[in-house]
Protein backbone atom coordinates (compact mmCIF):
# COMPACT_ATOMS: atom_id res chain seq x y z
CA UNK A 1 0.00 0.00 0.00
CA UNK A 2 1.04 3.57 -0.76
CA UNK A 3 2.17 5.46 2.27
CA UNK A 4 3.31 2.27 4.26
CA UNK A 5 6.84 0.76 4.52
CA UNK A 6 7.27 -2.42 2.48
CA UNK A 7 8.82 -5.28 4.53
CA UNK A 8 10.25 -7.91 2.20
CA UNK A 9 10.82 -11.59 3.18
CA UNK A 10 14.03 -12.19 5.29
CA UNK A 11 15.66 -14.15 2.42
CA UNK A 12 14.92 -11.24 0.12
CA UNK A 13 16.55 -8.84 2.60
CA UNK A 14 19.71 -11.00 2.72
CA UNK A 15 19.80 -11.05 -1.10
CA UNK A 16 19.46 -7.28 -1.31
CA UNK A 17 22.15 -6.75 1.36
CA UNK A 18 24.59 -8.87 -0.53
CA UNK A 19 23.83 -7.17 -3.83
CA UNK A 20 24.06 -3.73 -2.31
CA UNK A 21 27.31 -4.43 -0.33
CA UNK A 22 30.39 -2.54 -1.29
CA UNK A 23 33.31 -4.40 -2.94
CA UNK A 24 35.44 -3.85 0.18
CA UNK A 25 32.85 -5.45 2.45
CA UNK A 26 32.50 -8.45 0.11
CA UNK A 27 36.26 -9.01 0.12
CA UNK A 28 36.37 -8.90 3.92
CA UNK A 29 33.60 -11.46 4.17
CA UNK A 30 35.33 -13.80 1.71
CA UNK A 31 38.64 -13.50 3.61
CA UNK A 32 36.93 -14.31 6.90
CA UNK A 33 35.32 -17.37 5.33
CA UNK A 34 38.66 -18.57 3.96
CA UNK A 35 40.31 -18.14 7.37
CA UNK A 36 37.62 -20.23 9.05
CA UNK A 37 38.06 -23.00 6.50
CA UNK A 38 41.88 -22.85 6.79
CA UNK A 39 41.81 -23.11 10.60
CA UNK A 40 39.42 -26.05 10.40
CA UNK A 41 41.57 -27.92 7.88
CA UNK A 42 44.78 -27.26 9.86
CA UNK A 43 43.13 -28.55 13.00
CA UNK A 44 42.08 -31.76 11.32
CA UNK A 45 45.50 -32.31 9.74
CA UNK A 46 47.35 -31.46 12.95
CA UNK A 47 45.21 -33.82 14.97
CA UNK A 48 45.90 -36.56 12.44
CA UNK A 49 49.64 -35.90 12.47
CA UNK A 50 49.70 -35.96 16.26
CA UNK A 51 47.77 -39.21 16.25
CA UNK A 52 50.26 -40.74 13.82
CA UNK A 53 53.34 -39.43 15.63
CA UNK A 54 52.35 -40.20 19.20
CA UNK A 55 53.09 -43.82 20.17
CA UNK A 56 49.83 -45.61 20.93
CA UNK A 57 50.93 -48.38 23.26
CA UNK A 58 47.36 -49.63 23.65
CA UNK A 59 47.31 -50.78 20.05
CA UNK A 60 48.34 -54.34 19.32
CA UNK A 61 51.15 -54.23 16.72
CA UNK A 62 50.03 -57.59 15.34
CA UNK A 63 46.56 -56.26 14.64
CA UNK A 64 47.95 -53.16 12.95
CA UNK A 65 50.77 -54.63 10.92
CA UNK A 66 50.17 -52.17 8.11
CA UNK A 67 50.96 -49.18 10.35
CA UNK A 68 54.04 -47.41 9.06
CA UNK A 69 55.79 -47.14 12.44
CA UNK A 70 55.41 -48.51 15.97
CA UNK A 71 57.46 -47.07 18.81
CA UNK A 72 59.21 -49.04 21.55
CA UNK A 73 59.84 -47.57 25.00
CA UNK A 74 62.49 -50.06 26.14
CA UNK A 75 65.83 -48.36 26.54
CA UNK A 76 68.99 -49.18 28.47
CA UNK A 77 70.91 -46.62 30.53
CA UNK A 78 73.87 -44.84 29.01
CA UNK A 79 77.14 -45.95 30.64
CA UNK A 80 80.17 -43.67 30.96
CA UNK A 81 83.59 -43.95 32.54
CA UNK A 82 84.42 -41.85 35.62
CA UNK A 83 85.26 -38.86 33.39
CA UNK A 84 82.08 -38.90 31.33
CA UNK A 85 83.37 -40.79 28.27
CA UNK A 86 80.58 -42.89 26.78
CA UNK A 87 81.29 -46.63 26.80
CA UNK A 88 77.77 -47.97 26.13
CA UNK A 89 74.74 -46.23 24.62
CA UNK A 90 71.44 -47.01 22.90
CA UNK A 91 70.59 -45.69 19.46
CA UNK A 92 67.06 -45.70 18.05
CA UNK A 93 66.69 -47.81 14.91
CA UNK A 94 63.85 -49.24 12.84
CA UNK A 95 63.22 -52.96 12.43
CA UNK A 96 61.04 -54.46 9.70
CA UNK A 97 58.13 -56.77 10.52
CA UNK A 98 55.29 -58.30 8.52
CA UNK A 99 51.77 -59.64 8.96
CA UNK A 100 51.66 -62.64 6.56
CA UNK A 101 47.85 -62.68 6.62
CA UNK A 102 47.79 -59.29 4.92
CA UNK A 103 50.26 -60.16 2.17
CA UNK A 104 48.61 -61.49 -0.97
CA UNK A 105 51.68 -61.83 -3.17
CA UNK A 106 54.47 -63.32 -1.06
CA UNK A 107 56.77 -63.94 -4.04
CA UNK A 108 56.69 -60.31 -5.13
CA UNK A 109 57.03 -59.00 -1.57
CA UNK A 110 59.94 -61.32 -0.76
CA UNK A 111 61.68 -60.46 -4.03
CA UNK A 112 61.43 -56.71 -3.48
CA UNK A 113 62.54 -56.85 0.15
CA UNK A 114 65.49 -59.14 -0.63
CA UNK A 115 66.72 -56.65 -3.22
CA UNK A 116 67.19 -54.07 -0.43
CA UNK A 117 68.24 -56.27 2.50
CA UNK A 118 71.20 -58.55 3.24
CA UNK A 119 68.73 -61.43 3.72
CA UNK A 120 68.22 -64.30 1.28
CA UNK A 121 64.97 -64.14 -0.66
CA UNK A 122 64.07 -67.74 0.24
CA UNK A 123 64.41 -66.93 3.94
CA UNK A 124 62.07 -63.94 3.65
CA UNK A 125 59.60 -65.93 1.58
CA UNK A 126 59.50 -68.71 4.17
CA UNK A 127 58.61 -66.19 6.86
CA UNK A 128 55.81 -64.66 4.80
CA UNK A 129 54.14 -67.88 3.69
CA UNK A 130 52.48 -68.78 6.99
CA UNK A 131 49.12 -66.93 7.10
CA UNK A 132 48.48 -68.24 10.61
CA UNK A 133 51.22 -65.98 11.94
CA UNK A 134 50.23 -62.36 12.40
CA UNK A 135 53.69 -61.01 13.29
CA UNK A 136 57.12 -62.04 12.00
CA UNK A 137 60.43 -60.23 12.03
CA UNK A 138 61.86 -59.73 8.56
CA UNK A 139 65.02 -57.78 9.44
CA UNK A 140 66.26 -56.07 12.59
CA UNK A 141 68.12 -52.81 12.98
CA UNK A 142 67.79 -51.27 9.53
CA UNK A 143 69.83 -48.33 8.37
CA UNK A 144 67.87 -45.11 7.66
CA UNK A 145 68.51 -45.63 3.94
CA UNK A 146 67.10 -49.16 4.04
CA UNK A 147 64.06 -47.98 5.94
CA UNK A 148 63.38 -45.17 3.45
CA UNK A 149 63.69 -47.42 0.40
CA UNK A 150 61.41 -50.09 1.86
CA UNK A 151 58.90 -47.47 2.91
CA UNK A 152 58.82 -46.14 -0.65
CA UNK A 153 57.90 -49.58 -1.97
CA UNK A 154 54.44 -49.21 -0.39
CA UNK A 155 54.12 -52.94 0.27
CA UNK A 156 50.98 -54.02 2.14
CA UNK A 157 51.37 -56.10 5.28
CA UNK A 158 54.79 -54.78 6.30
CA UNK A 159 55.73 -52.09 8.79
CA UNK A 160 58.47 -50.71 11.01
CA UNK A 161 58.98 -50.98 14.73
CA UNK A 162 61.32 -48.62 16.56
CA UNK A 163 63.89 -50.51 18.61
CA UNK A 164 66.96 -49.52 20.57
CA UNK A 165 70.25 -51.05 19.58
CA UNK A 166 73.12 -51.25 22.08
CA UNK A 167 76.37 -49.73 20.85
CA UNK A 168 79.79 -49.98 22.52
CA UNK A 169 81.91 -47.14 21.10
CA UNK A 170 85.13 -48.34 22.76
CA UNK A 171 84.96 -51.81 21.24
CA UNK A 172 86.93 -54.42 23.19
CA UNK A 173 88.28 -52.02 25.81
CA UNK A 174 85.63 -52.66 28.49
CA UNK A 175 84.23 -55.91 27.14
CA UNK A 176 84.51 -58.14 30.23
CA UNK A 177 83.21 -55.43 32.54
CA UNK A 178 80.28 -54.28 30.43
CA UNK A 179 79.35 -57.68 29.06
CA UNK A 180 76.84 -57.27 26.25
CA UNK A 181 73.13 -57.15 25.33
CA UNK A 182 71.39 -59.47 22.88
CA UNK A 183 69.38 -58.56 19.79
CA UNK A 184 66.37 -57.80 21.99
CA UNK A 185 68.53 -55.38 24.02
CA UNK A 186 68.48 -57.56 27.11
CA UNK A 187 71.63 -57.82 29.23
CA UNK A 188 73.30 -61.20 28.81
CA UNK A 189 76.58 -60.79 30.71
CA UNK A 190 78.65 -58.39 32.77
CA UNK A 191 77.30 -55.09 34.04
CA UNK A 192 74.57 -55.20 31.38
CA UNK A 193 73.09 -58.30 33.02
CA UNK A 194 73.48 -56.76 36.49
CA UNK A 195 71.57 -53.64 35.40
CA UNK A 196 68.63 -55.76 34.19
CA UNK A 197 68.52 -57.49 37.55
CA UNK A 198 69.01 -54.22 39.44
CA UNK A 199 67.18 -51.42 37.57
CA UNK A 200 69.10 -48.16 37.68
CA UNK A 201 68.85 -44.58 36.51
CA UNK A 202 69.02 -43.38 32.92
CA UNK A 203 72.79 -43.17 33.22
CA UNK A 204 75.47 -45.15 35.02
CA UNK A 205 78.98 -43.93 35.83
CA UNK A 206 81.77 -46.49 36.06
CA UNK A 207 84.64 -46.17 38.50
CA UNK A 208 86.97 -47.08 35.63
CA UNK A 209 89.15 -44.57 33.85
CA UNK A 210 89.21 -44.91 30.05
CA UNK A 211 92.79 -43.73 29.67
CA UNK A 212 94.08 -45.98 32.44
CA UNK A 213 92.13 -48.89 30.98
CA UNK A 214 93.67 -48.28 27.58
CA UNK A 215 97.19 -48.09 29.01
CA UNK A 216 96.76 -51.32 31.00
CA UNK A 217 95.33 -53.19 28.01
CA UNK A 218 98.13 -51.99 25.75
CA UNK A 219 100.84 -53.10 28.19
CA UNK A 220 99.20 -56.48 28.80
CA UNK A 221 98.95 -57.06 25.06
CA UNK A 222 102.61 -56.14 24.57
CA UNK A 223 103.67 -58.49 27.40
CA UNK A 224 101.62 -61.34 25.95
CA UNK A 225 103.43 -60.90 22.66
CA UNK A 226 106.86 -60.47 24.27
CA UNK A 227 106.55 -63.63 26.36
CA UNK A 228 104.30 -65.60 23.99
CA UNK A 229 101.73 -65.98 26.77
CA UNK A 230 98.33 -67.66 26.44
CA UNK A 231 96.53 -64.91 28.32
CA UNK A 232 96.91 -62.00 30.70
CA UNK A 233 94.90 -60.01 33.20
CA UNK A 234 95.35 -56.97 35.43
CA UNK A 235 93.22 -55.22 38.04
CA UNK A 236 93.96 -51.72 39.34
CA UNK A 237 92.11 -50.88 42.55
CA UNK A 238 91.78 -47.75 44.67
CA UNK A 239 92.74 -49.02 48.15
CA UNK A 240 90.81 -46.21 49.85
CA UNK A 241 87.31 -47.01 48.62
CA UNK A 242 87.46 -50.22 46.58
CA UNK A 243 86.80 -48.58 43.22
CA UNK A 244 88.19 -50.54 40.28
CA UNK A 245 90.09 -48.04 38.12
CA UNK A 246 91.11 -50.52 35.40
CA UNK A 247 90.40 -54.18 34.76
CA UNK A 248 91.51 -56.06 31.66
CA UNK A 249 91.39 -59.70 30.66
CA UNK A 250 93.08 -60.88 27.45
CA UNK A 251 92.14 -62.27 25.05
CA UNK A 252 88.95 -60.23 24.92
CA UNK A 253 86.06 -59.66 22.50
CA UNK A 254 84.03 -56.98 20.77
CA UNK A 255 80.72 -56.60 22.68
CA UNK A 256 79.14 -55.20 19.50
CA UNK A 257 79.61 -58.68 17.97
CA UNK A 258 80.25 -61.01 20.96
CA UNK A 259 79.40 -64.29 19.24
CA UNK A 260 82.09 -63.72 16.64
CA UNK A 261 84.70 -64.53 19.31
CA UNK A 262 85.29 -67.98 20.83
CA UNK A 263 84.02 -68.68 24.38
CA UNK A 264 87.57 -68.46 25.75
CA UNK A 265 87.73 -64.78 24.79
CA UNK A 266 84.53 -64.06 26.71
CA UNK A 267 85.95 -65.61 29.91
CA UNK A 268 86.83 -62.95 32.49
CA UNK A 269 90.10 -64.09 34.07
CA UNK A 270 90.09 -61.17 36.52
CA UNK A 271 86.84 -62.10 38.28
CA UNK A 272 85.66 -65.52 37.12
CA UNK A 273 88.98 -67.36 36.93
CA UNK A 274 90.39 -68.77 40.17
CA UNK A 275 94.04 -69.78 40.33
CA UNK A 276 96.68 -70.94 42.77
CA UNK A 277 98.55 -67.67 43.35
CA UNK A 278 102.05 -68.97 44.03
CA UNK A 279 104.41 -66.94 46.17
CA UNK A 280 102.29 -63.77 46.31
CA UNK A 281 100.50 -65.72 49.07
CA UNK A 282 103.62 -65.35 51.20
CA UNK A 283 102.57 -61.74 51.72
CA UNK A 284 99.48 -62.99 53.55
CA UNK A 285 101.48 -65.62 55.42
CA UNK A 286 103.92 -62.99 56.71
CA UNK A 287 101.07 -60.65 57.71
CA UNK A 288 99.38 -63.53 59.53
CA UNK A 289 102.56 -64.40 61.44
CA UNK A 290 102.95 -60.78 62.54
CA UNK A 291 99.26 -60.20 63.35
CA UNK A 292 98.19 -63.56 64.79
CA UNK A 293 101.43 -64.95 66.23
CA UNK A 294 102.85 -61.60 67.35
CA UNK A 295 106.17 -62.13 65.56
CA UNK A 296 108.52 -59.27 64.69
CA UNK A 297 110.18 -58.76 61.28
CA UNK A 298 113.57 -59.68 62.77
CA UNK A 299 112.38 -63.08 64.03
CA UNK A 300 114.73 -65.72 62.58
CA UNK A 301 113.93 -69.14 61.07
CA UNK A 302 116.36 -71.67 59.70
CA UNK A 303 116.10 -72.09 55.91
CA UNK A 304 119.44 -73.78 55.39
CA UNK A 305 117.97 -77.25 54.65
CA UNK A 306 114.88 -78.54 52.80
CA UNK A 307 111.88 -79.06 55.07
CA UNK A 308 110.08 -82.40 55.35
CA UNK A 309 106.27 -82.35 55.70
CA UNK A 310 104.90 -85.87 55.76
CA UNK A 311 106.19 -87.56 52.62
CA UNK A 312 106.80 -84.25 50.86
CA UNK A 313 109.95 -82.14 50.81
CA UNK A 314 109.77 -78.32 50.66
CA UNK A 315 112.65 -76.56 48.89
CA UNK A 316 113.47 -72.97 47.96
CA UNK A 317 113.65 -71.85 44.33
CA UNK A 318 116.27 -69.24 45.30
CA UNK A 319 117.97 -71.04 48.23
CA UNK A 320 119.93 -68.82 50.59
CA UNK A 321 121.09 -71.87 52.57
CA UNK A 322 121.11 -69.98 55.89
CA UNK A 323 118.81 -68.73 58.63
CA UNK A 324 116.50 -65.93 57.47
CA UNK A 325 114.49 -63.33 59.33
CA UNK A 326 110.90 -62.61 58.30
CA UNK A 327 111.86 -59.68 56.07
CA UNK A 328 114.33 -61.89 54.21
CA UNK A 329 111.82 -64.73 53.91
CA UNK A 330 109.54 -62.38 51.99
CA UNK A 331 112.29 -60.63 50.00
CA UNK A 332 113.93 -63.88 48.88
CA UNK A 333 110.59 -65.72 48.57
CA UNK A 334 111.59 -68.64 50.79
CA UNK A 335 109.16 -71.57 50.72
CA UNK A 336 110.84 -73.11 53.74
CA UNK A 337 110.54 -69.91 55.73
CA UNK A 338 106.89 -69.43 54.72
CA UNK A 339 105.95 -72.93 55.91
CA UNK A 340 107.65 -72.36 59.26
CA UNK A 341 105.79 -69.07 59.67
CA UNK A 342 102.42 -70.68 58.86
CA UNK A 343 102.97 -73.43 61.40
CA UNK A 344 103.34 -70.77 64.11
CA UNK A 345 99.56 -70.29 64.13
CA UNK A 346 96.77 -72.74 64.85
CA UNK A 347 94.67 -74.31 62.11
CA UNK A 348 91.55 -72.26 62.94
CA UNK A 349 93.59 -69.03 63.09
CA UNK A 350 95.10 -69.74 59.68
CA UNK A 351 91.74 -70.29 58.04
CA UNK A 352 90.17 -67.34 59.86
CA UNK A 353 92.92 -65.00 58.67
CA UNK A 354 92.38 -65.89 55.02
CA UNK A 355 88.65 -65.52 55.53
CA UNK A 356 89.08 -62.05 57.04
CA UNK A 357 91.05 -60.97 53.98
CA UNK A 358 88.13 -62.04 51.76
CA UNK A 359 90.02 -64.91 50.14
CA UNK A 360 87.66 -67.79 50.96
CA UNK A 361 84.31 -66.48 49.66
CA UNK A 362 83.16 -65.32 46.23
CA UNK A 363 83.76 -61.61 45.88
CA UNK A 364 80.74 -59.33 45.52
CA UNK A 365 80.82 -57.17 42.39
CA UNK A 366 78.44 -55.62 39.87
CA UNK A 367 79.78 -58.13 37.34
CA UNK A 368 77.85 -61.40 37.85
CA UNK A 369 80.70 -63.55 36.50
CA UNK A 370 82.68 -64.07 39.70
CA UNK A 371 84.43 -67.29 40.62
CA UNK A 372 84.14 -69.07 43.94
CA UNK A 373 87.48 -69.85 45.59
CA UNK A 374 88.60 -73.47 45.76
CA UNK A 375 89.61 -74.31 49.32
CA UNK A 376 90.64 -77.50 51.13
CA UNK A 377 88.09 -79.35 53.26
CA UNK A 378 90.52 -79.36 56.16
CA UNK A 379 93.47 -77.17 57.13
CA UNK A 380 95.87 -79.76 58.49
CA UNK A 381 99.62 -79.42 58.66
CA UNK A 382 100.15 -80.30 54.98
CA UNK A 383 97.39 -77.94 53.78
CA UNK A 384 98.70 -75.07 55.89
CA UNK A 385 102.20 -75.71 54.58
CA UNK A 386 101.25 -75.60 50.89
CA UNK A 387 98.86 -72.67 51.34
CA UNK A 388 101.65 -70.67 52.97
CA UNK A 389 103.49 -70.45 49.64
CA UNK A 390 100.49 -70.34 47.31
CA UNK A 391 99.27 -73.85 46.55
CA UNK A 392 96.15 -75.68 47.71
CA UNK A 393 93.86 -72.62 47.50
CA UNK A 394 92.66 -71.00 44.28
CA UNK A 395 91.38 -67.41 44.24
CA UNK A 396 90.58 -64.77 41.63
CA UNK A 397 92.99 -61.94 40.74
CA UNK A 398 90.38 -59.45 41.97
CA UNK A 399 90.47 -61.10 45.40
CA UNK A 400 94.25 -60.79 45.44
CA UNK A 401 93.90 -57.08 44.67
CA UNK A 402 91.41 -56.47 47.49
CA UNK A 403 93.52 -58.47 49.96
CA UNK A 404 96.57 -56.41 48.94
CA UNK A 405 94.58 -53.26 49.62
CA UNK A 406 93.91 -54.48 53.17
CA UNK A 407 97.61 -55.17 53.75
CA UNK A 408 98.66 -51.62 52.89
CA UNK A 409 95.67 -49.32 53.55
CA UNK A 410 95.91 -49.44 57.33
CA UNK A 411 94.26 -52.84 57.72
CA UNK A 412 90.74 -52.16 56.39
CA UNK A 413 88.84 -54.70 54.31
CA UNK A 414 87.03 -52.97 51.46
CA UNK A 415 84.39 -54.15 49.01
CA UNK A 416 85.38 -53.75 45.36
CA UNK A 417 83.04 -51.92 42.99
CA UNK A 418 83.00 -50.87 39.34
CA UNK A 419 80.53 -48.03 40.01
CA UNK A 420 81.82 -44.54 40.72
CA UNK A 421 80.70 -42.99 44.00
CA UNK A 422 82.14 -39.48 44.11
CA UNK A 423 82.53 -37.79 47.46
CA UNK A 424 81.69 -41.01 49.31
CA UNK A 425 84.13 -42.04 52.02
CA UNK A 426 84.20 -45.80 52.49
CA UNK A 427 84.93 -46.96 56.02
CA UNK A 428 85.82 -50.62 55.71
CA UNK A 429 85.99 -53.22 58.46
CA UNK A 430 89.34 -53.30 60.24
CA UNK A 431 90.85 -56.79 60.03
CA UNK A 432 94.52 -55.91 60.58
CA UNK A 433 96.10 -53.59 63.09
CA UNK A 434 97.63 -50.37 61.82
CA UNK A 435 101.00 -51.55 63.11
CA UNK A 436 100.84 -54.73 61.02
CA UNK A 437 99.81 -52.76 57.94
CA UNK A 438 102.68 -50.29 58.45
CA UNK A 439 105.11 -53.19 58.77
CA UNK A 440 103.77 -54.89 55.65
CA UNK A 441 104.32 -51.73 53.61
CA UNK A 442 107.95 -51.69 54.70
CA UNK A 443 108.44 -55.40 54.01
CA UNK A 444 106.80 -55.25 50.58
CA UNK A 445 108.95 -52.26 49.69
CA UNK A 446 112.03 -54.21 50.71
CA UNK A 447 110.92 -57.14 48.52
CA UNK A 448 111.08 -54.76 45.55
CA UNK A 449 114.29 -52.98 46.51
CA UNK A 450 116.40 -56.00 47.41
CA UNK A 451 114.32 -59.07 46.56
CA UNK A 452 112.70 -60.87 43.66
CA UNK A 453 110.58 -57.85 42.66
CA UNK A 454 113.36 -55.45 41.68
CA UNK A 455 112.24 -55.19 38.05
CA UNK A 456 108.86 -53.85 39.17
CA UNK A 457 110.14 -50.61 40.61
CA UNK A 458 109.53 -47.16 39.14
CA UNK A 459 111.86 -44.46 40.54
CA UNK A 460 109.28 -41.68 40.19
CA UNK A 461 106.49 -43.81 41.69
CA UNK A 462 108.07 -46.30 44.13
CA UNK A 463 106.37 -49.69 44.17
CA UNK A 464 105.60 -52.16 46.98
CA UNK A 465 105.24 -55.72 45.78
CA UNK A 466 105.73 -59.46 45.75
CA UNK A 467 106.35 -61.97 42.96
CA UNK A 468 104.46 -65.21 42.57
CA UNK A 469 105.02 -68.10 40.15
CA UNK A 470 102.67 -71.10 40.22
CA UNK A 471 103.00 -74.26 38.17
CA UNK A 472 99.80 -75.25 36.35
CA UNK A 473 97.98 -78.48 37.08
CA UNK A 474 97.61 -80.90 34.17
CA UNK A 475 96.26 -84.44 33.85
CA UNK A 476 99.69 -85.68 34.96
CA UNK A 477 100.04 -83.34 37.92
CA UNK A 478 101.96 -80.07 38.13
CA UNK A 479 103.84 -79.18 34.96
CA UNK A 480 107.13 -77.33 35.54
CA UNK A 481 107.04 -76.01 31.99
CA UNK A 482 103.60 -74.41 32.32
CA UNK A 483 103.11 -71.69 34.86
CA UNK A 484 101.26 -68.54 35.79
CA UNK A 485 103.29 -65.51 36.77
CA UNK A 486 101.78 -63.02 39.24
CA UNK A 487 102.88 -59.75 40.70
CA UNK A 488 101.07 -58.18 43.63
CA UNK A 489 101.83 -54.49 44.17
CA UNK A 490 100.77 -51.11 45.55
CA UNK A 491 101.97 -47.58 44.82
CA UNK A 492 103.25 -45.02 45.56
CA UNK A 493 105.24 -46.58 48.40
CA UNK A 494 105.27 -43.51 50.70
CA UNK A 495 101.48 -43.30 50.81
CA UNK A 496 99.86 -46.11 48.78
CA UNK A 497 96.68 -45.22 46.92
CA UNK A 498 96.38 -48.02 44.38
CA UNK A 499 96.77 -51.80 44.42
CA UNK A 500 97.66 -53.64 41.21
CA UNK A 501 97.64 -57.34 40.46
CA UNK A 502 98.90 -58.69 37.12
CA UNK A 503 99.00 -62.24 35.83
CA UNK A 504 100.55 -63.79 32.72
CA UNK A 505 99.30 -67.23 31.68
CA UNK A 506 102.12 -69.48 30.48
CA UNK A 507 104.77 -66.85 29.71
CA UNK A 508 107.79 -68.19 27.82
CA UNK A 509 111.43 -67.37 28.46
CA UNK A 510 113.35 -65.36 25.87
CA UNK A 511 116.79 -63.85 25.40
CA UNK A 512 115.96 -60.83 27.57
CA UNK A 513 115.02 -63.07 30.54
CA UNK A 514 118.17 -65.26 30.29
CA UNK A 515 116.05 -68.39 30.05
CA UNK A 516 113.73 -67.60 32.99
CA UNK A 517 109.95 -67.32 32.74
CA UNK A 518 109.23 -66.72 36.42
CA UNK A 519 107.35 -63.69 37.74
CA UNK A 520 110.47 -61.69 38.58
CA UNK A 521 111.40 -61.70 34.89
CA UNK A 522 107.93 -61.42 33.34
CA UNK A 523 105.18 -60.08 35.63
CA UNK A 524 107.48 -57.70 37.55
CA UNK A 525 108.64 -55.65 34.52
CA UNK A 526 105.03 -55.64 33.25
CA UNK A 527 104.00 -54.05 36.55
CA UNK A 528 106.70 -51.40 36.18
CA UNK A 529 105.49 -50.43 32.72
CA UNK A 530 101.87 -50.21 33.84
CA UNK A 531 102.65 -48.07 36.91
CA UNK A 532 104.87 -45.78 34.87
CA UNK A 533 101.97 -45.11 32.47
CA UNK A 534 98.95 -44.94 34.74
CA UNK A 535 100.36 -43.03 37.72
CA UNK A 536 100.52 -39.68 35.86
CA UNK A 537 97.07 -40.33 34.37
CA UNK A 538 95.68 -40.71 37.88
CA UNK A 539 97.16 -37.39 38.98
CA UNK A 540 99.97 -38.78 41.14
CA UNK A 541 103.00 -36.56 41.54
CA UNK A 542 106.49 -38.06 41.12
CA UNK A 543 108.22 -38.93 44.36
CA UNK A 544 110.61 -36.27 45.59
CA UNK A 545 112.50 -38.65 47.88
CA UNK A 546 113.56 -42.04 46.59
CA UNK A 547 113.93 -44.96 48.97
CA UNK A 548 116.92 -47.29 49.04
CA UNK A 549 117.63 -50.69 50.60
CA UNK A 550 119.66 -49.02 53.33
CA UNK A 551 116.51 -47.37 54.67
CA UNK A 552 115.18 -50.82 55.54
CA UNK A 553 118.39 -52.21 57.00
CA UNK A 554 116.83 -52.49 60.45
CA UNK A 555 114.32 -54.98 59.01
CA UNK A 556 116.83 -57.22 57.28
CA UNK A 557 119.76 -57.25 59.67
CA UNK A 558 121.80 -60.41 59.42
CA UNK A 559 121.29 -62.76 62.38
Foldseek 3Di string as FASTA:
>chain_A
DPPDDDDDDPVVVVVVCVVPDDPVVVVVVVVVVVVVVVVVVVVVVVVVVCVLPDADPVDDCLVVQQRAEHEDDDAAAFEEEQVRHTFKGKDKFKFKKFFLLWADDLLVVLVVLVVLDVDDSVVSSVQNPDNVGSIDTDGPGDDPVSSVVNVVVSGGGMYIYIAIDMDGVVFFLCCLQCPAADSNRQHDFHLSPLCVVPPDDNYFYWPEDSQLSVLLVVLQVVLCVVQVFPWKWKWKAFLFAQGTHYIDIPPAGTRSCRVVDDVVRNARQQFQNWFQFFQLLLLLLLLLLCFVVVDALQDKDFQLDWDDDPPDTAHAPQGPNGIFGNLVCQLAVGLVVLLVSLVSDDQVSSVVSCVVLVFQAWADESGPNGHGKDADPGRDSVNSSCSSRGPRIIGHNSSLFQSLSCLAVQQFRHHHYGGDDPPDGDGGDHDGHSVSSVVSLLSQLLSCQRGLLVLQADQQKGKGKGKGKAFDQDPVGGDPQWIKIKMWIFIRSVRTGMIMMMITGRGFDDPQQVRDDHNSSRVSNSNNSSCVSCCVVVVHGTDPDGDHNVVCCVSGPDD
